[in-house]
């Protein structure tokens, strides 16, 4: 079983929760359903969870609802823990570079904070 944690800023803000709050109830329900699959299935199908190609170990949770595609980016931390850093509505085939850069920045920040504790 995979444990999922949402990234928090030093000030305590949670960008993934903020993203989920910005979605309609049905869209958020679908994303949460996919998160439950990722957490509970022994082997998660790639249509819902896969490594993001061309990155330094970033992974994406993939949800679709009514023709809209949603992504949550994150990384594996310790053991079976995935830390999700950011979410966005995907408008093009290619994942936006700014979303990848944001996820990588938050990953570095998170790992540095963990070293200090």
Protein backbone atom coordinates (compact mmCIF):
# COMPACT_ATOMS: atom_id res chain seq x y z
CA UNK A 1 0.00 0.00 0.00
CA UNK A 2 1.28 3.45 -0.94
CA UNK A 3 1.11 6.30 1.56
CA UNK A 4 0.28 9.70 0.03
CA UNK A 5 1.28 12.98 1.63
CA UNK A 6 0.62 16.49 0.33
CA UNK A 7 3.57 18.89 0.26
CA UNK A 8 3.34 21.80 2.68
CA UNK A 9 5.23 25.07 2.42
CA UNK A 10 7.25 26.39 5.36
CA UNK A 11 4.27 28.66 6.11
CA UNK A 12 1.94 25.64 6.24
CA UNK A 13 0.11 26.19 2.93
CA UNK A 14 -0.84 23.08 0.97
CA UNK A 15 -0.79 23.71 -2.80
CA UNK A 16 -2.42 20.35 -3.67
CA UNK A 17 -5.35 21.00 -1.30
CA UNK A 18 -5.71 24.49 -2.81
CA UNK A 19 -5.79 22.96 -6.30
CA UNK A 20 -8.41 20.38 -5.27
CA UNK A 21 -10.51 23.16 -3.69
CA UNK A 22 -10.45 25.02 -7.03
CA UNK A 23 -12.11 22.10 -8.85
CA UNK A 24 -15.82 21.46 -9.12
CA UNK A 25 -17.19 18.90 -6.67
CA UNK A 26 -17.40 16.19 -9.35
CA UNK A 27 -13.90 16.90 -10.67
CA UNK A 28 -12.43 16.78 -7.16
CA UNK A 29 -14.37 13.58 -6.44
CA UNK A 30 -12.77 11.94 -9.50
CA UNK A 31 -9.25 13.03 -8.50
CA UNK A 32 -9.82 11.73 -4.96
CA UNK A 33 -11.10 8.43 -6.39
CA UNK A 34 -7.86 8.07 -8.37
CA UNK A 35 -5.81 8.90 -5.26
CA UNK A 36 -7.66 6.12 -3.44
CA UNK A 37 -6.74 3.68 -6.25
CA UNK A 38 -3.09 4.72 -6.03
CA UNK A 39 -3.14 4.20 -2.27
CA UNK A 40 -4.97 0.89 -2.20
CA UNK A 41 -4.20 -1.14 -5.33
CA UNK A 42 -1.21 -3.47 -5.10
CA UNK A 43 -0.31 -2.57 -8.69
CA UNK A 44 -1.63 0.75 -10.02
CA UNK A 45 -2.37 0.92 -13.78
CA UNK A 46 -0.23 3.45 -15.68
CA UNK A 47 -3.32 5.31 -16.78
CA UNK A 48 -3.59 6.55 -13.17
CA UNK A 49 0.00 6.70 -11.89
CA UNK A 50 3.27 6.73 -13.80
CA UNK A 51 6.76 8.17 -13.90
CA UNK A 52 6.92 11.45 -15.76
CA UNK A 53 9.31 10.93 -18.67
CA UNK A 54 12.34 13.19 -18.93
CA UNK A 55 12.38 14.09 -15.22
CA UNK A 56 14.51 13.24 -12.22
CA UNK A 57 12.08 10.77 -10.65
CA UNK A 58 8.89 12.82 -10.75
CA UNK A 59 5.65 10.87 -10.90
CA UNK A 60 2.17 11.92 -11.91
CA UNK A 61 -1.26 10.97 -10.67
CA UNK A 62 -3.55 11.11 -13.70
CA UNK A 63 -7.28 11.76 -13.53
CA UNK A 64 -9.77 12.57 -16.26
CA UNK A 65 -13.32 13.79 -15.96
CA UNK A 66 -15.69 15.03 -18.66
CA UNK A 67 -12.94 15.58 -21.22
CA UNK A 68 -10.72 17.43 -18.72
CA UNK A 69 -7.36 16.03 -17.64
CA UNK A 70 -5.93 16.69 -14.19
CA UNK A 71 -2.45 15.92 -12.94
CA UNK A 72 -0.84 15.85 -9.52
CA UNK A 73 2.95 15.74 -9.59
CA UNK A 74 5.12 14.31 -6.86
CA UNK A 75 8.01 12.09 -5.90
CA UNK A 76 8.79 8.95 -3.92
CA UNK A 77 10.28 9.75 -0.54
CA UNK A 78 10.95 7.04 2.03
CA UNK A 79 9.74 3.50 1.38
CA UNK A 80 6.18 3.60 0.07
CA UNK A 81 5.59 7.35 0.64
CA UNK A 82 4.69 9.61 -2.28
CA UNK A 83 4.77 13.36 -1.64
CA UNK A 84 2.50 15.26 -4.05
CA UNK A 85 3.78 18.78 -4.73
CA UNK A 86 1.38 20.46 -7.15
CA UNK A 87 -1.71 19.95 -9.26
CA UNK A 88 -2.99 21.42 -12.49
CA UNK A 89 -5.50 20.99 -15.29
CA UNK A 90 -3.65 19.65 -18.31
CA UNK A 91 -4.50 21.55 -21.50
CA UNK A 92 -1.91 20.13 -23.91
CA UNK A 93 -0.25 16.78 -24.63
CA UNK A 94 3.01 17.91 -23.04
CA UNK A 95 3.24 18.60 -19.31
CA UNK A 96 4.07 22.32 -18.91
CA UNK A 97 7.74 22.97 -18.09
CA UNK A 98 6.75 25.40 -15.31
CA UNK A 99 4.78 22.65 -13.52
CA UNK A 100 7.75 20.27 -13.77
CA UNK A 101 10.13 22.97 -12.51
CA UNK A 102 7.78 23.74 -9.61
CA UNK A 103 7.57 20.07 -8.62
CA UNK A 104 11.35 19.70 -8.77
CA UNK A 105 11.86 22.86 -6.70
CA UNK A 106 9.40 21.66 -4.05
CA UNK A 107 11.02 18.22 -4.01
CA UNK A 108 14.44 19.77 -3.31
CA UNK A 109 12.98 22.03 -0.65
CA UNK A 110 11.13 19.15 1.03
CA UNK A 111 14.17 16.87 1.06
CA UNK A 112 16.38 19.67 2.46
CA UNK A 113 13.85 20.35 5.24
CA UNK A 114 13.79 16.64 6.11
CA UNK A 115 17.61 16.58 6.42
CA UNK A 116 17.47 19.45 8.91
CA UNK A 117 15.02 17.72 11.27
